[in-house]
Amino acid sequence: MQSGPTVHFNFGEDGVGRRSVTYRSGDSEKLMLTEVGSDLYRLEESSFAGDAVYGDTIRAERSSDGVLIFREIAQRSPLVTQSWILSEDVLASESIKQILAAVINAGGMWEQAFGGLLMIHAPDSIAQTTFDEIARRAKIQAS
């Protein structure tokens, strides 16, 4: 463990796919994971304490107390991740809801955290269009 401050994200209890993950820095969080192989886990939500995002596969060793010790990102998700900090009004708008539905329909995913953080995981084929549409909608809402 490194000296200095550490960060611990605790959104829910262990179980039903949610597992505690600890990093070399001492930071930790609870993540929705799917075991896909020996010491391999696919993220079903993005990490805030590490660099892995939705759809990435990580390699992690199980400690004696059941906590997963992060080792590496074994495989990156094929989806393109974009992060936005948006106002409540923009996030609640019908136009943003339509964009998010289009992302899901194309095989992507989106997440909202801490109120205004929107993370979009889009297939490469629609990533630029999605970015442009959100930028346009956010600018229109801010005007």
Protein backbone atom coordinates (compact mmCIF):
# COMPACT_ATOMS: atom_id res chain seq x y z
CA MET A 1 0.00 0.00 0.00
CA GLN A 2 1.29 3.46 -0.87
CA SER A 3 1.43 6.24 1.67
CA GLY A 4 -0.99 9.09 1.31
CA PRO A 5 -4.74 9.30 0.98
CA THR A 6 -6.75 6.41 -0.37
CA VAL A 7 -10.23 6.41 -1.83
CA HIS A 8 -12.95 3.86 -1.06
CA PHE A 9 -16.13 3.70 -3.14
CA ASN A 10 -18.91 1.74 -1.47
CA PHE A 11 -22.11 1.51 -3.51
CA GLY A 12 -23.99 -1.51 -2.22
CA GLU A 13 -23.18 -4.78 -0.57
CA ASP A 14 -21.18 -7.76 -1.79
CA GLY A 15 -23.19 -10.51 -3.42
CA VAL A 16 -25.34 -10.93 -6.51
CA GLY A 17 -22.44 -10.05 -8.79
CA ARG A 18 -21.06 -7.20 -6.66
CA ARG A 19 -17.53 -7.82 -5.39
CA SER A 20 -14.97 -5.85 -3.40
CA VAL A 21 -11.90 -4.93 -5.45
CA THR A 22 -8.70 -3.51 -3.97
CA TYR A 23 -5.92 -1.79 -5.93
CA ARG A 24 -2.16 -1.53 -5.32
CA SER A 25 -2.68 2.08 -4.16
CA GLY A 26 -4.94 0.88 -1.34
CA ASP A 27 -8.03 2.32 -3.03
CA SER A 28 -11.03 0.01 -3.09
CA GLU A 29 -14.55 -0.22 -4.46
CA LYS A 30 -17.44 -2.59 -4.91
CA LEU A 31 -18.18 -3.44 -8.53
CA MET A 32 -20.70 -5.49 -10.47
CA LEU A 33 -18.57 -8.21 -12.08
CA THR A 34 -19.15 -11.36 -14.10
CA GLU A 35 -16.58 -14.11 -13.70
CA VAL A 36 -15.50 -15.14 -17.22
CA GLY A 37 -12.50 -17.35 -16.45
CA SER A 38 -9.86 -18.21 -13.91
CA ASP A 39 -9.05 -14.87 -12.19
CA LEU A 40 -10.85 -13.02 -15.02
CA TYR A 41 -13.85 -10.73 -14.43
CA ARG A 42 -15.84 -8.56 -16.85
CA LEU A 43 -16.97 -5.21 -15.46
CA GLU A 44 -20.73 -4.65 -15.64
CA GLU A 45 -20.17 -1.07 -14.44
CA SER A 46 -17.23 1.31 -14.64
CA SER A 47 -14.57 1.64 -11.99
CA PHE A 48 -14.02 4.93 -10.20
CA ALA A 49 -10.91 3.79 -8.34
CA GLY A 50 -9.14 2.26 -11.33
CA ASP A 51 -8.86 2.66 -15.09
CA ALA A 52 -11.24 -0.13 -16.13
CA VAL A 53 -14.63 0.72 -17.62
CA TYR A 54 -17.84 -1.12 -18.45
CA GLY A 55 -17.13 -4.17 -20.59
CA ASP A 56 -13.41 -4.42 -19.80
CA THR A 57 -12.09 -7.73 -18.50
CA ILE A 58 -9.76 -7.52 -15.53
CA ARG A 59 -7.41 -10.04 -13.98
CA ALA A 60 -7.76 -10.16 -10.20
CA GLU A 61 -6.66 -12.64 -7.55
CA ARG A 62 -8.99 -13.64 -4.75
CA SER A 63 -7.55 -13.03 -1.28
CA SER A 64 -8.26 -15.32 1.67
CA ASP A 65 -11.08 -13.01 2.80
CA GLY A 66 -12.72 -13.03 -0.65
CA VAL A 67 -11.64 -9.55 -1.74
CA LEU A 68 -10.37 -9.35 -5.30
CA ILE A 69 -6.88 -7.87 -5.70
CA PHE A 70 -6.69 -6.06 -9.05
CA ARG A 71 -3.70 -7.07 -11.19
CA GLU A 72 -4.36 -5.71 -14.69
CA ILE A 73 -6.83 -4.97 -17.42
CA ALA A 74 -6.66 -8.19 -19.41
CA GLN A 75 -8.85 -7.03 -22.30
CA ARG A 76 -10.40 -3.69 -23.15
CA SER A 77 -14.03 -3.43 -24.12
CA PRO A 78 -14.66 -2.88 -27.83
CA LEU A 79 -16.99 0.00 -26.88
CA VAL A 80 -15.85 3.63 -26.94
CA THR A 81 -16.32 5.33 -23.56
CA GLN A 82 -17.25 9.00 -23.26
CA SER A 83 -17.74 10.81 -19.96
CA TRP A 84 -19.82 13.93 -19.47
CA ILE A 85 -20.72 16.11 -16.52
CA LEU A 86 -24.14 17.51 -17.30
CA SER A 87 -26.81 19.47 -15.47
CA GLU A 88 -29.94 17.79 -14.15
CA ASP A 89 -32.01 19.59 -16.78
CA VAL A 90 -29.89 18.28 -19.64
CA LEU A 91 -29.87 14.73 -18.27
CA ALA A 92 -33.64 14.76 -17.83
CA SER A 93 -34.31 16.08 -21.34
CA GLU A 94 -36.17 13.96 -23.85
CA SER A 95 -33.41 14.45 -26.41
CA ILE A 96 -30.77 12.92 -24.11
CA LYS A 97 -33.12 10.02 -23.33
CA GLN A 98 -33.46 9.40 -27.08
CA ILE A 99 -29.68 9.42 -27.53
CA LEU A 100 -29.24 6.95 -24.66
CA ALA A 101 -31.93 4.67 -26.14
CA ALA A 102 -30.08 4.74 -29.48
CA VAL A 103 -26.86 3.72 -27.71
CA ILE A 104 -28.62 0.75 -26.07
CA ASN A 105 -30.27 -0.24 -29.36
CA ALA A 106 -26.86 -0.24 -31.06
CA GLY A 107 -25.42 -2.63 -28.45
CA GLY A 108 -23.87 -0.08 -26.11
CA MET A 109 -24.54 0.90 -22.51
CA TRP A 110 -24.67 4.03 -20.38
CA GLU A 111 -24.22 4.80 -16.69
CA GLN A 112 -25.10 7.77 -14.49
CA ALA A 113 -23.30 8.41 -11.20
CA PHE A 114 -23.03 11.16 -8.60
CA GLY A 115 -26.05 12.92 -10.11
CA GLY A 116 -24.48 14.60 -13.13
CA LEU A 117 -21.82 12.19 -14.37
CA LEU A 118 -22.93 10.42 -17.55
CA MET A 119 -20.73 7.71 -19.03
CA ILE A 120 -21.63 6.37 -22.44
CA HIS A 121 -20.15 3.16 -23.84
CA ALA A 122 -20.97 3.19 -27.55
CA PRO A 123 -20.05 0.97 -30.46
CA ASP A 124 -17.39 2.63 -32.61
CA SER A 125 -19.90 2.97 -35.46
CA ILE A 126 -22.00 5.51 -33.51
CA ALA A 127 -19.45 6.96 -31.04
CA GLN A 128 -18.75 10.18 -32.95
CA THR A 129 -22.42 10.80 -33.75
CA THR A 130 -23.30 10.22 -30.09
CA PHE A 131 -20.61 12.67 -28.98
CA ASP A 132 -21.77 15.31 -31.47
CA GLU A 133 -25.43 14.94 -30.49
CA ILE A 134 -24.78 15.22 -26.76
CA ALA A 135 -22.49 18.22 -27.28
CA ARG A 136 -25.18 19.89 -29.39
CA ARG A 137 -27.99 19.09 -26.91
CA ALA A 138 -25.97 20.19 -23.90
CA LYS A 139 -25.13 23.49 -25.59
CA ILE A 140 -28.75 24.09 -26.57
CA GLN A 141 -29.96 23.34 -23.02
CA ALA A 142 -27.33 25.68 -21.53
CA SER A 143 -28.41 28.59 -23.75
